[in-house]
Amino acid sequence: MNCCLAVWIYPAVAQTASVVAPASIGGGIAMSDQEFHCHTGYSLAQCQRDILQLKTVLSRYPIAALHHWTWVLVRSQDWKPISQKLRLNPESPAFTALDQRETFFEEALFMHDPVRTAELMKEWRLSMSNLLELAVTHELGHAFCEELSESAADRFGEELRNGLRPPCQVSKRSKKKVESGEPHGLKPDALSAASARTDRMR
């Protein structure tokens, strides 16, 4: 399954999204060595709710193997400008900065922006719970293997969702660099068959 979620390896990500509000989550799922933040503009209450939802999804997978990793939630109104500035695909609701060991998710994945949420559901042909799961597992494919390939991250993520613990297909950090001149990832309408497989998992 090929997904249009992006991987990014340049320091511009940290410069663009460096002001974050740390979330203190009480009573949540233990996430040893994982760091969670919300980008500027998130309310504390919403930040806590969304991070708890993200932790619930992450808890299904062996993320302890990542060691220290940072997860950042970004408001939908800020998502497209940030993506465009970084020359990423603005329609993709997640991306990973490998060098910074950070993964970013758009707020709409947590259903706070009705217009953007409806847009994502239509384009990806998935329920939001399935799209969040797809986003998380795809980005884990990048993170676990330091993988630049979108297709390899998709295969890794699909195996994770199927209850497997897949090995990395190549040695960590692919041989080729990502070209910075093009937005990364495919368009959602290329996912019709893959989306149907994902829906059947629920």
C-alpha atoms as a PDB file:
ATOM      1  CA  MET A   1       0.000   0.000   0.000  1.00  0.00           C
ATOM      2  CA  ASN A   2       1.450   3.338  -0.957  1.00  0.00           C
ATOM      3  CA  CYS A   3       0.462   6.247   1.232  1.00  0.00           C
ATOM      4  CA  CYS A   4       0.976   9.956   0.725  1.00  0.00           C
ATOM      5  CA  LEU A   5       2.402  10.695   4.132  1.00  0.00           C
ATOM      6  CA  ALA A   6       5.751  12.384   4.040  1.00  0.00           C
ATOM      7  CA  VAL A   7       9.215  12.020   5.465  1.00  0.00           C
ATOM      8  CA  TRP A   8      11.461  15.044   5.852  1.00  0.00           C
ATOM      9  CA  ILE A   9      15.087  15.129   6.913  1.00  0.00           C
ATOM     10  CA  TYR A  10      16.103  18.778   6.892  1.00  0.00           C
ATOM     11  CA  PRO A  11      16.547  21.198   9.807  1.00  0.00           C
ATOM     12  CA  ALA A  12      13.924  23.589   8.443  1.00  0.00           C
ATOM     13  CA  VAL A  13      11.252  21.525  10.189  1.00  0.00           C
ATOM     14  CA  ALA A  14      12.599  22.284  13.622  1.00  0.00           C
ATOM     15  CA  GLN A  15      12.971  25.953  12.744  1.00  0.00           C
ATOM     16  CA  THR A  16       9.389  26.162  11.515  1.00  0.00           C
ATOM     17  CA  ALA A  17       7.727  24.314  14.371  1.00  0.00           C
ATOM     18  CA  SER A  18      10.064  24.892  17.263  1.00  0.00           C
ATOM     19  CA  VAL A  19       7.610  26.736  19.534  1.00  0.00           C
ATOM     20  CA  VAL A  20       5.552  23.991  21.139  1.00  0.00           C
ATOM     21  CA  ALA A  21       3.465  23.721  24.265  1.00  0.00           C
ATOM     22  CA  PRO A  22       4.402  20.634  26.285  1.00  0.00           C
ATOM     23  CA  ALA A  23       1.442  18.547  27.364  1.00  0.00           C
ATOM     24  CA  SER A  24       1.345  17.003  30.808  1.00  0.00           C
ATOM     25  CA  ILE A  25      -0.929  13.989  30.513  1.00  0.00           C
ATOM     26  CA  GLY A  26      -2.073  12.464  33.750  1.00  0.00           C
ATOM     27  CA  GLY A  27      -3.509   8.965  33.896  1.00  0.00           C
ATOM     28  CA  GLY A  28      -2.524   8.265  30.300  1.00  0.00           C
ATOM     29  CA  ILE A  29      -0.844   5.247  28.800  1.00  0.00           C
ATOM     30  CA  ALA A  30       2.801   4.918  29.809  1.00  0.00           C
ATOM     31  CA  MET A  31       5.088   5.962  26.959  1.00  0.00           C
ATOM     32  CA  SER A  32       8.612   5.476  28.182  1.00  0.00           C
ATOM     33  CA  ASP A  33      11.093   7.822  26.518  1.00  0.00           C
ATOM     34  CA  GLN A  34       8.457   9.383  24.237  1.00  0.00           C
ATOM     35  CA  GLU A  35       7.894  13.141  24.224  1.00  0.00           C
ATOM     36  CA  PHE A  36       4.579  14.749  23.261  1.00  0.00           C
ATOM     37  CA  HIS A  37       3.914  18.384  22.345  1.00  0.00           C
ATOM     38  CA  CYS A  38       1.301  20.575  20.728  1.00  0.00           C
ATOM     39  CA  HIS A  39       2.231  23.393  18.372  1.00  0.00           C
ATOM     40  CA  THR A  40       1.441  26.971  19.383  1.00  0.00           C
ATOM     41  CA  GLY A  41      -2.277  27.783  19.438  1.00  0.00           C
ATOM     42  CA  TYR A  42      -3.557  24.481  20.822  1.00  0.00           C
ATOM     43  CA  SER A  43      -5.522  24.850  24.038  1.00  0.00           C
ATOM     44  CA  LEU A  44      -4.174  22.766  26.918  1.00  0.00           C
ATOM     45  CA  ALA A  45      -7.410  20.767  27.249  1.00  0.00           C
ATOM     46  CA  GLN A  46      -7.561  19.917  23.548  1.00  0.00           C
ATOM     47  CA  CYS A  47      -3.845  19.138  23.535  1.00  0.00           C
ATOM     48  CA  GLN A  48      -4.299  16.680  26.384  1.00  0.00           C
ATOM     49  CA  ARG A  49      -7.260  14.961  24.719  1.00  0.00           C
ATOM     50  CA  ASP A  50      -5.532  14.613  21.359  1.00  0.00           C
ATOM     51  CA  ILE A  51      -2.266  13.380  22.830  1.00  0.00           C
ATOM     52  CA  LEU A  52      -4.149  10.771  24.851  1.00  0.00           C
ATOM     53  CA  GLN A  53      -5.812   9.605  21.616  1.00  0.00           C
ATOM     54  CA  LEU A  54      -2.426   9.474  19.880  1.00  0.00           C
ATOM     55  CA  LYS A  55      -0.940   7.518  22.779  1.00  0.00           C
ATOM     56  CA  THR A  56      -3.796   5.032  22.560  1.00  0.00           C
ATOM     57  CA  VAL A  57      -2.931   4.319  18.928  1.00  0.00           C
ATOM     58  CA  LEU A  58       0.819   4.223  19.575  1.00  0.00           C
ATOM     59  CA  SER A  59       0.354   1.793  22.463  1.00  0.00           C
ATOM     60  CA  ARG A  60      -0.664  -0.921  19.970  1.00  0.00           C
ATOM     61  CA  TYR A  61       2.841  -0.933  18.510  1.00  0.00           C
ATOM     62  CA  PRO A  62       6.350  -1.634  19.903  1.00  0.00           C
ATOM     63  CA  ILE A  63       7.407   2.000  20.095  1.00  0.00           C
ATOM     64  CA  ALA A  64       9.820   1.372  22.980  1.00  0.00           C
ATOM     65  CA  ALA A  65      12.200   0.222  20.236  1.00  0.00           C
ATOM     66  CA  LEU A  66      12.303   3.820  18.952  1.00  0.00           C
ATOM     67  CA  HIS A  67      13.953   5.032  22.162  1.00  0.00           C
ATOM     68  CA  HIS A  68      13.592   8.799  22.444  1.00  0.00           C
ATOM     69  CA  TRP A  69      11.169  10.264  19.902  1.00  0.00           C
ATOM     70  CA  THR A  70       9.092  13.456  19.799  1.00  0.00           C
ATOM     71  CA  TRP A  71       5.481  13.639  18.601  1.00  0.00           C
ATOM     72  CA  VAL A  72       4.026  17.046  17.700  1.00  0.00           C
ATOM     73  CA  LEU A  73       0.415  17.994  16.920  1.00  0.00           C
ATOM     74  CA  VAL A  74      -0.149  21.016  14.664  1.00  0.00           C
ATOM     75  CA  ARG A  75      -3.370  22.990  14.164  1.00  0.00           C
ATOM     76  CA  SER A  76      -4.969  22.540  10.752  1.00  0.00           C
ATOM     77  CA  GLN A  77      -4.897  26.283  10.073  1.00  0.00           C
ATOM     78  CA  ASP A  78      -1.113  26.180  10.410  1.00  0.00           C
ATOM     79  CA  TRP A  79      -0.584  22.843   8.662  1.00  0.00           C
ATOM     80  CA  LYS A  80      -0.744  23.858   5.021  1.00  0.00           C
ATOM     81  CA  PRO A  81       1.435  26.975   5.389  1.00  0.00           C
ATOM     82  CA  ILE A  82       4.094  24.917   7.203  1.00  0.00           C
ATOM     83  CA  SER A  83       3.899  22.107   4.636  1.00  0.00           C
ATOM     84  CA  GLN A  84       4.128  24.535   1.740  1.00  0.00           C
ATOM     85  CA  LYS A  85       7.072  26.337   3.298  1.00  0.00           C
ATOM     86  CA  LEU A  86       8.872  23.001   3.641  1.00  0.00           C
ATOM     87  CA  ARG A  87       7.827  22.006   0.094  1.00  0.00           C
ATOM     88  CA  LEU A  88       5.918  18.995   1.365  1.00  0.00           C
ATOM     89  CA  ASN A  89       2.575  17.763   0.087  1.00  0.00           C
ATOM     90  CA  PRO A  90       0.084  19.998   1.995  1.00  0.00           C
ATOM     91  CA  GLU A  91      -2.667  17.404   1.561  1.00  0.00           C
ATOM     92  CA  SER A  92      -0.711  14.865   3.597  1.00  0.00           C
ATOM     93  CA  PRO A  93      -1.780  14.948   7.286  1.00  0.00           C
ATOM     94  CA  ALA A  94       1.556  13.722   8.725  1.00  0.00           C
ATOM     95  CA  PHE A  95       5.295  13.914   8.197  1.00  0.00           C
ATOM     96  CA  THR A  96       8.481  12.809   9.953  1.00  0.00           C
ATOM     97  CA  ALA A  97      11.747  14.708  10.438  1.00  0.00           C
ATOM     98  CA  LEU A  98      14.277  11.901  10.756  1.00  0.00           C
ATOM     99  CA  ASP A  99      17.302  13.947  11.785  1.00  0.00           C
ATOM    100  CA  GLN A 100      15.323  15.654  14.546  1.00  0.00           C
ATOM    101  CA  ARG A 101      13.575  12.377  15.527  1.00  0.00           C
ATOM    102  CA  GLU A 102      10.198  14.108  15.358  1.00  0.00           C
ATOM    103  CA  THR A 103       6.849  13.199  13.826  1.00  0.00           C
ATOM    104  CA  PHE A 104       4.130  15.771  13.143  1.00  0.00           C
ATOM    105  CA  PHE A 105       0.370  15.173  12.841  1.00  0.00           C
ATOM    106  CA  GLU A 106      -2.323  17.532  11.625  1.00  0.00           C
ATOM    107  CA  GLU A 107      -5.046  18.446  14.106  1.00  0.00           C
ATOM    108  CA  ALA A 108      -7.793  17.357  11.670  1.00  0.00           C
ATOM    109  CA  LEU A 109      -6.803  13.714  12.275  1.00  0.00           C
ATOM    110  CA  PHE A 110      -8.344  14.218  15.737  1.00  0.00           C
ATOM    111  CA  MET A 111     -11.569  15.655  14.252  1.00  0.00           C
ATOM    112  CA  HIS A 112     -11.484  19.277  15.439  1.00  0.00           C
ATOM    113  CA  ASP A 113     -11.780  20.908  12.020  1.00  0.00           C
ATOM    114  CA  PRO A 114     -15.041  19.692  10.411  1.00  0.00           C
ATOM    115  CA  VAL A 115     -14.225  21.053   6.943  1.00  0.00           C
ATOM    116  CA  ARG A 116     -10.696  19.646   6.810  1.00  0.00           C
ATOM    117  CA  THR A 117     -11.798  16.364   8.434  1.00  0.00           C
ATOM    118  CA  ALA A 118     -14.509  15.912   5.787  1.00  0.00           C
ATOM    119  CA  GLU A 119     -11.962  16.741   3.086  1.00  0.00           C
ATOM    120  CA  LEU A 120      -9.537  14.104   4.382  1.00  0.00           C
ATOM    121  CA  MET A 121     -12.255  11.452   4.672  1.00  0.00           C
ATOM    122  CA  LYS A 122     -13.391  12.125   1.112  1.00  0.00           C
ATOM    123  CA  GLU A 123      -9.898  12.189  -0.385  1.00  0.00           C
ATOM    124  CA  TRP A 124      -8.579   9.157   1.492  1.00  0.00           C
ATOM    125  CA  ARG A 125     -11.865   7.176   1.498  1.00  0.00           C
ATOM    126  CA  LEU A 126     -11.253   6.205   5.117  1.00  0.00           C
ATOM    127  CA  SER A 127     -12.914   6.818   8.449  1.00  0.00           C
ATOM    128  CA  MET A 128     -10.901   9.177  10.636  1.00  0.00           C
ATOM    129  CA  SER A 129     -10.009   6.406  13.075  1.00  0.00           C
ATOM    130  CA  ASN A 130      -8.595   4.360  10.190  1.00  0.00           C
ATOM    131  CA  LEU A 131      -6.788   7.373   8.752  1.00  0.00           C
ATOM    132  CA  LEU A 132      -5.161   8.153  12.102  1.00  0.00           C
ATOM    133  CA  GLU A 133      -4.068   4.519  12.378  1.00  0.00           C
ATOM    134  CA  LEU A 134      -2.712   4.642   8.819  1.00  0.00           C
ATOM    135  CA  ALA A 135      -0.851   7.898   9.519  1.00  0.00           C
ATOM    136  CA  VAL A 136       0.715   6.569  12.727  1.00  0.00           C
ATOM    137  CA  THR A 137       1.837   3.239  11.279  1.00  0.00           C
ATOM    138  CA  HIS A 138       3.177   4.807   8.098  1.00  0.00           C
ATOM    139  CA  GLU A 139       5.243   7.294  10.075  1.00  0.00           C
ATOM    140  CA  LEU A 140       6.455   4.460  12.314  1.00  0.00           C
ATOM    141  CA  GLY A 141       7.746   2.847   9.119  1.00  0.00           C
ATOM    142  CA  HIS A 142       9.883   5.925   8.541  1.00  0.00           C
ATOM    143  CA  ALA A 143      10.907   6.202  12.195  1.00  0.00           C
ATOM    144  CA  PHE A 144      11.769   2.583  12.999  1.00  0.00           C
ATOM    145  CA  CYS A 145      13.901   2.097   9.905  1.00  0.00           C
ATOM    146  CA  GLU A 146      15.049   5.700   9.297  1.00  0.00           C
ATOM    147  CA  GLU A 147      13.407   5.009   5.967  1.00  0.00           C
ATOM    148  CA  LEU A 148      13.114   7.639   3.233  1.00  0.00           C
ATOM    149  CA  SER A 149      11.074   5.482   0.849  1.00  0.00           C
ATOM    150  CA  GLU A 150       7.328   6.091   1.004  1.00  0.00           C
ATOM    151  CA  SER A 151       6.519   2.644  -0.417  1.00  0.00           C
ATOM    152  CA  ALA A 152       8.793   0.899   2.105  1.00  0.00           C
ATOM    153  CA  ALA A 153       7.189   2.853   4.960  1.00  0.00           C
ATOM    154  CA  ASP A 154       3.758   1.862   3.634  1.00  0.00           C
ATOM    155  CA  ARG A 155       4.671  -1.836   3.565  1.00  0.00           C
ATOM    156  CA  PHE A 156       6.118  -1.624   7.074  1.00  0.00           C
ATOM    157  CA  GLY A 157       3.001   0.169   8.347  1.00  0.00           C
ATOM    158  CA  GLU A 158       0.629  -2.324   6.766  1.00  0.00           C
ATOM    159  CA  GLU A 159       2.468  -5.215   8.404  1.00  0.00           C
ATOM    160  CA  LEU A 160       2.306  -3.435  11.759  1.00  0.00           C
ATOM    161  CA  ARG A 161      -1.463  -3.053  11.379  1.00  0.00           C
ATOM    162  CA  ASN A 162      -1.685  -6.752  10.587  1.00  0.00           C
ATOM    163  CA  GLY A 163      -0.085  -7.580  13.936  1.00  0.00           C
ATOM    164  CA  LEU A 164       3.402  -8.357  12.611  1.00  0.00           C
ATOM    165  CA  ARG A 165       6.772  -6.974  13.679  1.00  0.00           C
ATOM    166  CA  PRO A 166       8.393  -6.484  10.278  1.00  0.00           C
ATOM    167  CA  PRO A 167      12.132  -6.122   9.832  1.00  0.00           C
ATOM    168  CA  CYS A 168      13.490  -3.064   8.047  1.00  0.00           C
ATOM    169  CA  GLN A 169      13.853  -3.815   4.348  1.00  0.00           C
ATOM    170  CA  VAL A 170      17.135  -1.915   3.975  1.00  0.00           C
ATOM    171  CA  SER A 171      19.881  -0.765   6.289  1.00  0.00           C
ATOM    172  CA  LYS A 172      18.864   2.303   8.264  1.00  0.00           C
ATOM    173  CA  ARG A 173      18.719   5.518   6.263  1.00  0.00           C
ATOM    174  CA  SER A 174      18.232   4.812   2.571  1.00  0.00           C
ATOM    175  CA  LYS A 175      21.130   5.382   0.224  1.00  0.00           C
ATOM    176  CA  LYS A 176      19.482   8.170  -1.697  1.00  0.00           C
ATOM    177  CA  LYS A 177      18.540  11.622  -0.430  1.00  0.00           C
ATOM    178  CA  VAL A 178      15.016  12.946  -0.728  1.00  0.00           C
ATOM    179  CA  GLU A 179      14.752  15.617  -3.406  1.00  0.00           C
ATOM    180  CA  SER A 180      13.695  18.865  -1.748  1.00  0.00           C
ATOM    181  CA  GLY A 181      12.162  20.386  -4.880  1.00  0.00           C
ATOM    182  CA  GLU A 182       9.013  18.245  -4.974  1.00  0.00           C
ATOM    183  CA  PRO A 183       6.229  17.624  -2.445  1.00  0.00           C
ATOM    184  CA  HIS A 184       6.600  14.100  -1.125  1.00  0.00           C
ATOM    185  CA  GLY A 185       4.032  11.345  -1.400  1.00  0.00           C
ATOM    186  CA  LEU A 186       1.210  10.355  -3.707  1.00  0.00           C
ATOM    187  CA  LYS A 187      -2.250  11.817  -4.024  1.00  0.00           C
ATOM    188  CA  PRO A 188      -4.995  10.122  -1.966  1.00  0.00           C
ATOM    189  CA  ASP A 189      -6.970   9.088  -5.067  1.00  0.00           C
ATOM    190  CA  ALA A 190      -4.187   6.612  -5.853  1.00  0.00           C
ATOM    191  CA  LEU A 191      -5.163   4.670  -2.740  1.00  0.00           C
ATOM    192  CA  SER A 192      -8.557   3.206  -3.622  1.00  0.00           C
ATOM    193  CA  ALA A 193      -7.515  -0.450  -3.433  1.00  0.00           C
ATOM    194  CA  ALA A 194      -5.273   0.092  -0.441  1.00  0.00           C
ATOM    195  CA  SER A 195      -7.967   2.030   1.379  1.00  0.00           C
ATOM    196  CA  ALA A 196     -10.408  -0.804   0.936  1.00  0.00           C
ATOM    197  CA  ARG A 197      -7.909  -3.176   2.540  1.00  0.00           C
ATOM    198  CA  THR A 198      -7.456  -0.806   5.462  1.00  0.00           C
ATOM    199  CA  ASP A 199     -11.210  -0.466   6.010  1.00  0.00           C
ATOM    200  CA  ARG A 200     -11.555  -4.243   6.195  1.00  0.00           C
ATOM    201  CA  MET A 201      -9.124  -4.342   9.107  1.00  0.00           C
ATOM    202  CA  ARG A 202     -11.621  -2.587  11.377  1.00  0.00           C
END
